[in-house]
Amino acid sequence: MSGADTSLVDVVRASRLVLASIDQDSDHYAAVLAECAADPYGDGVDRLIGALVSQVSALSSMATGGDPSRFMLDVLATATAPGAEESTDPEGGS
């Protein structure tokens, strides 16, 4: 399989993993991770991480008009703001 072929596989796996996470489908999530772990080239998990990072970078560039670092800093600022932990607490009802 060429590098382009593995890249396509990696992007599809990353997309499936993200969708499984959004849908809270733990069986599909585990299946994607198992596929990566059983990848015949032995580096499926590493390639999955690379594909996820690439997708986040591309999406953050689109969301910020080409400044992905600003997007990630905004996410970090929101996540670490006072009260952020309580606002995402599943036991808190929010």
C-alpha atoms as a PDB file:
ATOM      1  CA  MET A   1       0.000   0.000   0.000  1.00  0.00           C
ATOM      2  CA  SER A   2       1.435   3.389  -0.918  1.00  0.00           C
ATOM      3  CA  GLY A   3       1.723   6.369   1.407  1.00  0.00           C
ATOM      4  CA  ALA A   4      -1.293   7.975  -0.237  1.00  0.00           C
ATOM      5  CA  ASP A   5      -3.341   4.827   0.374  1.00  0.00           C
ATOM      6  CA  THR A   6      -2.405   4.675   4.059  1.00  0.00           C
ATOM      7  CA  SER A   7      -3.129   8.382   4.397  1.00  0.00           C
ATOM      8  CA  LEU A   8      -6.670   7.870   3.125  1.00  0.00           C
ATOM      9  CA  VAL A   9      -7.151   4.939   5.507  1.00  0.00           C
ATOM     10  CA  ASP A  10      -5.849   7.068   8.378  1.00  0.00           C
ATOM     11  CA  VAL A  11      -8.177   9.993   7.621  1.00  0.00           C
ATOM     12  CA  VAL A  12     -11.176   7.666   7.356  1.00  0.00           C
ATOM     13  CA  ARG A  13     -10.274   5.982  10.650  1.00  0.00           C
ATOM     14  CA  ALA A  14      -9.816   9.343  12.353  1.00  0.00           C
ATOM     15  CA  SER A  15     -13.194  10.525  11.058  1.00  0.00           C
ATOM     16  CA  ARG A  16     -14.872   7.327  12.218  1.00  0.00           C
ATOM     17  CA  LEU A  17     -13.263   7.703  15.651  1.00  0.00           C
ATOM     18  CA  VAL A  18     -14.484  11.298  15.971  1.00  0.00           C
ATOM     19  CA  LEU A  19     -18.012  10.356  14.895  1.00  0.00           C
ATOM     20  CA  ALA A  20     -18.065   7.419  17.314  1.00  0.00           C
ATOM     21  CA  SER A  21     -16.976   9.776  20.080  1.00  0.00           C
ATOM     22  CA  ILE A  22     -19.653  12.339  19.196  1.00  0.00           C
ATOM     23  CA  ASP A  23     -22.302   9.601  19.067  1.00  0.00           C
ATOM     24  CA  GLN A  24     -20.919   8.055  22.279  1.00  0.00           C
ATOM     25  CA  ASP A  25     -20.713   4.718  20.452  1.00  0.00           C
ATOM     26  CA  SER A  26     -18.117   2.923  22.535  1.00  0.00           C
ATOM     27  CA  ASP A  27     -18.332  -0.276  20.459  1.00  0.00           C
ATOM     28  CA  HIS A  28     -17.476   1.538  17.219  1.00  0.00           C
ATOM     29  CA  TYR A  29     -14.811   3.575  19.023  1.00  0.00           C
ATOM     30  CA  ALA A  30     -13.198   0.369  20.294  1.00  0.00           C
ATOM     31  CA  ALA A  31     -13.462  -1.206  16.833  1.00  0.00           C
ATOM     32  CA  VAL A  32     -11.554   1.673  15.232  1.00  0.00           C
ATOM     33  CA  LEU A  33      -8.850   1.496  17.882  1.00  0.00           C
ATOM     34  CA  ALA A  34      -8.611  -2.280  17.404  1.00  0.00           C
ATOM     35  CA  GLU A  35      -8.217  -1.771  13.637  1.00  0.00           C
ATOM     36  CA  CYS A  36      -5.391   0.648  14.261  1.00  0.00           C
ATOM     37  CA  ALA A  37      -3.676  -1.658  16.733  1.00  0.00           C
ATOM     38  CA  ALA A  38      -3.928  -4.556  14.257  1.00  0.00           C
ATOM     39  CA  ASP A  39      -2.695  -2.486  11.301  1.00  0.00           C
ATOM     40  CA  PRO A  40      -0.402  -4.673   9.183  1.00  0.00           C
ATOM     41  CA  TYR A  41       2.269  -1.950   9.054  1.00  0.00           C
ATOM     42  CA  GLY A  42       2.480  -1.850  12.858  1.00  0.00           C
ATOM     43  CA  ASP A  43       2.093   1.910  13.158  1.00  0.00           C
ATOM     44  CA  GLY A  44      -1.670   2.304  12.851  1.00  0.00           C
ATOM     45  CA  VAL A  45      -2.106   4.024  16.215  1.00  0.00           C
ATOM     46  CA  ASP A  46       0.679   6.520  15.465  1.00  0.00           C
ATOM     47  CA  ARG A  47      -0.821   7.264  12.059  1.00  0.00           C
ATOM     48  CA  LEU A  48      -4.290   7.672  13.636  1.00  0.00           C
ATOM     49  CA  ILE A  49      -2.913  10.273  16.041  1.00  0.00           C
ATOM     50  CA  GLY A  50      -1.263  12.090  13.146  1.00  0.00           C
ATOM     51  CA  ALA A  51      -4.523  12.074  11.175  1.00  0.00           C
ATOM     52  CA  LEU A  52      -6.467  13.411  14.176  1.00  0.00           C
ATOM     53  CA  VAL A  53      -3.940  16.218  14.663  1.00  0.00           C
ATOM     54  CA  SER A  54      -4.159  17.092  10.971  1.00  0.00           C
ATOM     55  CA  GLN A  55      -7.955  17.237  11.120  1.00  0.00           C
ATOM     56  CA  VAL A  56      -7.930  19.442  14.216  1.00  0.00           C
ATOM     57  CA  SER A  57      -5.418  21.766  12.588  1.00  0.00           C
ATOM     58  CA  ALA A  58      -7.465  22.020   9.386  1.00  0.00           C
ATOM     59  CA  LEU A  59     -10.720  22.626  11.254  1.00  0.00           C
ATOM     60  CA  SER A  60      -9.192  25.202  13.556  1.00  0.00           C
ATOM     61  CA  SER A  61      -7.739  27.036  10.539  1.00  0.00           C
ATOM     62  CA  MET A  62     -11.188  27.163   8.975  1.00  0.00           C
ATOM     63  CA  ALA A  63     -12.782  28.338  12.221  1.00  0.00           C
ATOM     64  CA  THR A  64     -10.273  31.148  12.722  1.00  0.00           C
ATOM     65  CA  GLY A  65      -9.618  32.277   9.173  1.00  0.00           C
ATOM     66  CA  GLY A  66      -6.159  30.741   9.078  1.00  0.00           C
ATOM     67  CA  ASP A  67      -4.945  31.193  12.662  1.00  0.00           C
ATOM     68  CA  PRO A  68      -5.192  27.758  14.302  1.00  0.00           C
ATOM     69  CA  SER A  69      -3.096  28.784  17.300  1.00  0.00           C
ATOM     70  CA  ARG A  70      -5.671  31.453  18.189  1.00  0.00           C
ATOM     71  CA  PHE A  71      -8.432  28.841  18.071  1.00  0.00           C
ATOM     72  CA  MET A  72      -6.517  26.418  20.295  1.00  0.00           C
ATOM     73  CA  LEU A  73      -5.652  29.199  22.758  1.00  0.00           C
ATOM     74  CA  ASP A  74      -9.350  30.189  22.884  1.00  0.00           C
ATOM     75  CA  VAL A  75     -10.292  26.574  23.597  1.00  0.00           C
ATOM     76  CA  LEU A  76      -7.646  26.359  26.308  1.00  0.00           C
ATOM     77  CA  ALA A  77      -8.732  29.681  27.842  1.00  0.00           C
ATOM     78  CA  THR A  78     -12.361  28.555  27.909  1.00  0.00           C
ATOM     79  CA  ALA A  79     -11.472  25.181  29.403  1.00  0.00           C
ATOM     80  CA  THR A  80      -9.324  26.703  32.154  1.00  0.00           C
ATOM     81  CA  ALA A  81     -11.517  29.706  32.967  1.00  0.00           C
ATOM     82  CA  PRO A  82     -12.854  29.975  36.518  1.00  0.00           C
ATOM     83  CA  GLY A  83     -15.954  27.826  36.798  1.00  0.00           C
ATOM     84  CA  ALA A  84     -15.209  25.837  33.644  1.00  0.00           C
ATOM     85  CA  GLU A  85     -14.926  22.565  35.534  1.00  0.00           C
ATOM     86  CA  GLU A  86     -18.343  22.982  37.105  1.00  0.00           C
ATOM     87  CA  SER A  87     -19.948  23.886  33.777  1.00  0.00           C
ATOM     88  CA  THR A  88     -18.894  20.560  32.234  1.00  0.00           C
ATOM     89  CA  ASP A  89     -19.533  18.419  35.303  1.00  0.00           C
ATOM     90  CA  PRO A  90     -22.014  15.679  34.331  1.00  0.00           C
ATOM     91  CA  GLU A  91     -23.101  15.415  37.958  1.00  0.00           C
ATOM     92  CA  GLY A  92     -23.817  19.145  38.076  1.00  0.00           C
ATOM     93  CA  GLY A  93     -26.648  18.857  35.601  1.00  0.00           C
ATOM     94  CA  SER A  94     -25.151  21.341  33.107  1.00  0.00           C
END
